Amino acid sequence: MTTIKLRENGPLVIEGDDVTVVDWQGRPYEIARRPVALCRCGGSSRKPFCDGTHARLGFNGGESAKGELKAER
């Protein structure tokens, strides 16, 4: 199972064994670390991957999802 988590004011974190990140032409990126963290702030020097720049920029990721809270695994 693959899970995508939005970190509060941080990256998209993709957990799972079968994750591939491809560019707009279908070419796969080399994934150096797991889980995969994708930039949401736009400031990463390692796009599409997160490098922690969101913390320095004071990125605000917006509202959380509505509905029932699920237990963390």
N, C-alpha and C. Protein backbone atom coordinates (compact mmCIF):
# COMPACT_ATOMS: atom_id res chain seq x y z
N MET A 1 0.84 -1.17 0.00
CA MET A 1 0.00 0.00 0.00
C MET A 1 0.89 1.25 0.00
N THR A 2 0.51 2.22 -0.78
CA THR A 2 1.21 3.49 -0.83
C THR A 2 0.37 4.55 -0.14
N THR A 3 1.01 5.35 0.71
CA THR A 3 0.34 6.41 1.45
C THR A 3 1.03 7.73 1.17
N ILE A 4 0.24 8.77 0.93
CA ILE A 4 0.77 10.12 0.75
C ILE A 4 0.31 10.95 1.94
N LYS A 5 1.27 11.47 2.69
CA LYS A 5 0.97 12.29 3.86
C LYS A 5 1.46 13.71 3.60
N LEU A 6 0.64 14.67 3.98
CA LEU A 6 1.05 16.07 3.93
C LEU A 6 1.57 16.43 5.30
N ARG A 7 2.84 16.79 5.36
CA ARG A 7 3.40 17.26 6.63
C ARG A 7 2.95 18.69 6.84
N GLU A 8 2.61 19.03 8.07
CA GLU A 8 2.16 20.38 8.37
C GLU A 8 3.25 21.37 7.96
N ASN A 9 2.90 22.26 7.04
CA ASN A 9 3.82 23.27 6.53
C ASN A 9 5.12 22.68 6.00
N GLY A 10 5.02 21.46 5.46
CA GLY A 10 6.19 20.78 4.94
C GLY A 10 5.87 20.02 3.67
N PRO A 11 6.66 19.00 3.37
CA PRO A 11 6.54 18.28 2.11
C PRO A 11 5.40 17.27 2.06
N LEU A 12 5.20 16.73 0.88
CA LEU A 12 4.37 15.54 0.69
C LEU A 12 5.29 14.36 0.95
N VAL A 13 4.91 13.47 1.84
CA VAL A 13 5.73 12.30 2.15
C VAL A 13 5.02 11.07 1.60
N ILE A 14 5.70 10.36 0.72
CA ILE A 14 5.11 9.19 0.07
C ILE A 14 5.78 7.94 0.62
N GLU A 15 4.98 7.11 1.27
CA GLU A 15 5.47 5.88 1.87
C GLU A 15 4.93 4.69 1.11
N GLY A 16 5.78 3.73 0.85
CA GLY A 16 5.38 2.52 0.16
C GLY A 16 6.58 1.91 -0.54
N ASP A 17 6.45 0.64 -0.86
CA ASP A 17 7.56 -0.08 -1.48
C ASP A 17 7.65 0.16 -2.98
N ASP A 18 6.54 0.49 -3.61
CA ASP A 18 6.50 0.61 -5.06
C ASP A 18 6.23 2.05 -5.48
N VAL A 19 7.17 2.96 -5.19
CA VAL A 19 7.01 4.37 -5.52
C VAL A 19 8.02 4.75 -6.58
N THR A 20 7.54 5.34 -7.67
CA THR A 20 8.39 5.86 -8.73
C THR A 20 7.96 7.30 -8.98
N VAL A 21 8.93 8.19 -9.07
CA VAL A 21 8.66 9.59 -9.39
C VAL A 21 9.20 9.83 -10.79
N VAL A 22 8.32 10.31 -11.68
CA VAL A 22 8.72 10.53 -13.07
C VAL A 22 8.52 12.00 -13.44
N ASP A 23 9.35 12.48 -14.38
CA ASP A 23 9.21 13.86 -14.84
C ASP A 23 8.11 13.96 -15.88
N TRP A 24 7.90 15.15 -16.43
CA TRP A 24 6.81 15.39 -17.37
C TRP A 24 6.99 14.63 -18.68
N GLN A 25 8.18 14.08 -18.92
CA GLN A 25 8.39 13.29 -20.13
C GLN A 25 8.40 11.79 -19.85
N GLY A 26 8.08 11.42 -18.59
CA GLY A 26 8.00 10.01 -18.23
C GLY A 26 9.31 9.39 -17.80
N ARG A 27 10.36 10.22 -17.61
CA ARG A 27 11.65 9.69 -17.19
C ARG A 27 11.69 9.62 -15.66
N PRO A 28 12.10 8.47 -15.12
CA PRO A 28 12.13 8.32 -13.66
C PRO A 28 13.31 9.07 -13.03
N TYR A 29 13.05 9.64 -11.86
CA TYR A 29 14.11 10.22 -11.05
C TYR A 29 14.75 9.11 -10.23
N GLU A 30 16.03 9.25 -9.91
CA GLU A 30 16.67 8.35 -8.98
C GLU A 30 16.22 8.76 -7.58
N ILE A 31 15.76 7.80 -6.81
CA ILE A 31 15.29 8.08 -5.45
C ILE A 31 16.37 7.61 -4.49
N ALA A 32 16.99 8.59 -3.81
CA ALA A 32 18.10 8.28 -2.92
C ALA A 32 17.65 7.91 -1.51
N ARG A 33 16.47 8.39 -1.11
CA ARG A 33 16.00 8.15 0.27
C ARG A 33 14.55 7.73 0.29
N ARG A 34 14.21 6.92 1.25
CA ARG A 34 12.83 6.52 1.50
C ARG A 34 12.47 6.87 2.93
N PRO A 35 11.28 7.31 3.25
CA PRO A 35 10.21 7.60 2.30
C PRO A 35 10.57 8.79 1.42
N VAL A 36 9.84 8.93 0.33
CA VAL A 36 10.05 10.01 -0.63
C VAL A 36 9.36 11.27 -0.10
N ALA A 37 10.09 12.39 -0.06
CA ALA A 37 9.52 13.67 0.37
C ALA A 37 9.57 14.63 -0.81
N LEU A 38 8.40 15.07 -1.27
CA LEU A 38 8.30 15.99 -2.40
C LEU A 38 8.02 17.40 -1.92
N CYS A 39 8.71 18.37 -2.51
CA CYS A 39 8.60 19.78 -2.14
C CYS A 39 7.20 20.32 -2.44
N ARG A 40 6.64 21.07 -1.48
CA ARG A 40 5.39 21.81 -1.71
C ARG A 40 5.62 23.31 -1.70
N CYS A 41 6.74 23.77 -1.14
CA CYS A 41 6.94 25.22 -0.98
C CYS A 41 7.49 25.88 -2.23
N GLY A 42 8.11 25.10 -3.12
CA GLY A 42 8.69 25.65 -4.34
C GLY A 42 10.11 26.15 -4.17
N GLY A 43 10.67 26.08 -2.96
CA GLY A 43 11.99 26.64 -2.71
C GLY A 43 13.13 25.64 -2.69
N SER A 44 12.86 24.37 -2.82
CA SER A 44 13.90 23.36 -2.72
C SER A 44 14.92 23.49 -3.84
N SER A 45 16.18 23.27 -3.51
CA SER A 45 17.23 23.23 -4.53
C SER A 45 17.36 21.82 -5.11
N ARG A 46 16.56 20.89 -4.61
CA ARG A 46 16.57 19.49 -5.08
C ARG A 46 15.25 19.10 -5.72
N LYS A 47 14.49 20.05 -6.26
CA LYS A 47 13.17 19.76 -6.82
C LYS A 47 13.24 18.54 -7.73
N PRO A 48 12.26 17.68 -7.69
CA PRO A 48 10.99 17.79 -6.99
C PRO A 48 11.07 17.36 -5.53
N PHE A 49 12.26 17.02 -5.05
CA PHE A 49 12.41 16.50 -3.69
C PHE A 49 12.60 17.64 -2.69
N CYS A 50 12.18 17.41 -1.48
CA CYS A 50 12.29 18.39 -0.39
C CYS A 50 13.72 18.43 0.14
N ASP A 51 14.21 19.64 0.42
CA ASP A 51 15.52 19.79 1.07
C ASP A 51 15.42 20.52 2.40
N GLY A 52 14.21 20.75 2.90
CA GLY A 52 14.00 21.41 4.18
C GLY A 52 13.87 22.92 4.09
N THR A 53 13.93 23.50 2.89
CA THR A 53 13.84 24.94 2.71
C THR A 53 12.55 25.52 3.26
N HIS A 54 11.47 24.74 3.27
CA HIS A 54 10.17 25.23 3.75
C HIS A 54 10.26 25.82 5.16
N ALA A 55 11.11 25.25 6.00
CA ALA A 55 11.25 25.73 7.38
C ALA A 55 11.86 27.14 7.39
N ARG A 56 12.85 27.36 6.56
CA ARG A 56 13.51 28.67 6.50
C ARG A 56 12.59 29.72 5.89
N LEU A 57 11.75 29.31 4.92
CA LEU A 57 10.86 30.24 4.23
C LEU A 57 9.60 30.56 5.04
N GLY A 58 9.30 29.76 6.05
CA GLY A 58 8.06 29.94 6.79
C GLY A 58 6.85 29.53 5.97
N PHE A 59 7.01 28.49 5.17
CA PHE A 59 5.94 28.00 4.30
C PHE A 59 4.71 27.63 5.11
N ASN A 60 3.54 28.07 4.63
CA ASN A 60 2.26 27.73 5.24
C ASN A 60 1.53 26.81 4.29
N GLY A 61 1.34 25.55 4.71
CA GLY A 61 0.76 24.53 3.87
C GLY A 61 -0.75 24.56 3.74
N GLY A 62 -1.42 25.48 4.42
CA GLY A 62 -2.87 25.57 4.30
C GLY A 62 -3.60 24.76 5.34
N GLU A 63 -4.86 24.56 5.08
CA GLU A 63 -5.74 23.87 6.03
C GLU A 63 -5.56 22.37 5.98
N SER A 64 -5.97 21.73 7.07
CA SER A 64 -5.94 20.27 7.11
C SER A 64 -7.23 19.73 6.51
N ALA A 65 -7.23 18.43 6.27
CA ALA A 65 -8.41 17.77 5.69
C ALA A 65 -9.56 17.78 6.70
N LYS A 66 -10.76 17.80 6.20
CA LYS A 66 -11.94 17.72 7.05
C LYS A 66 -12.32 16.27 7.23
N GLY A 67 -13.01 15.95 8.29
CA GLY A 67 -13.50 14.60 8.47
C GLY A 67 -12.87 13.91 9.66
N GLU A 68 -13.05 12.61 9.70
CA GLU A 68 -12.64 11.79 10.82
C GLU A 68 -11.12 11.65 10.88
N LEU A 69 -10.56 11.77 12.07
CA LEU A 69 -9.14 11.61 12.29
C LEU A 69 -8.80 10.12 12.32
N LYS A 70 -7.82 9.71 11.52
CA LYS A 70 -7.40 8.31 11.48
C LYS A 70 -6.16 8.14 12.35
N ALA A 71 -6.06 6.99 12.97
CA ALA A 71 -4.90 6.68 13.81
C ALA A 71 -3.66 6.52 12.95
N GLU A 72 -2.54 7.05 13.42
CA GLU A 72 -1.26 6.92 12.73
C GLU A 72 -0.77 5.48 12.87
N ARG A 73 -0.19 4.95 11.81
CA ARG A 73 0.33 3.57 11.86
C ARG A 73 1.70 3.54 12.45
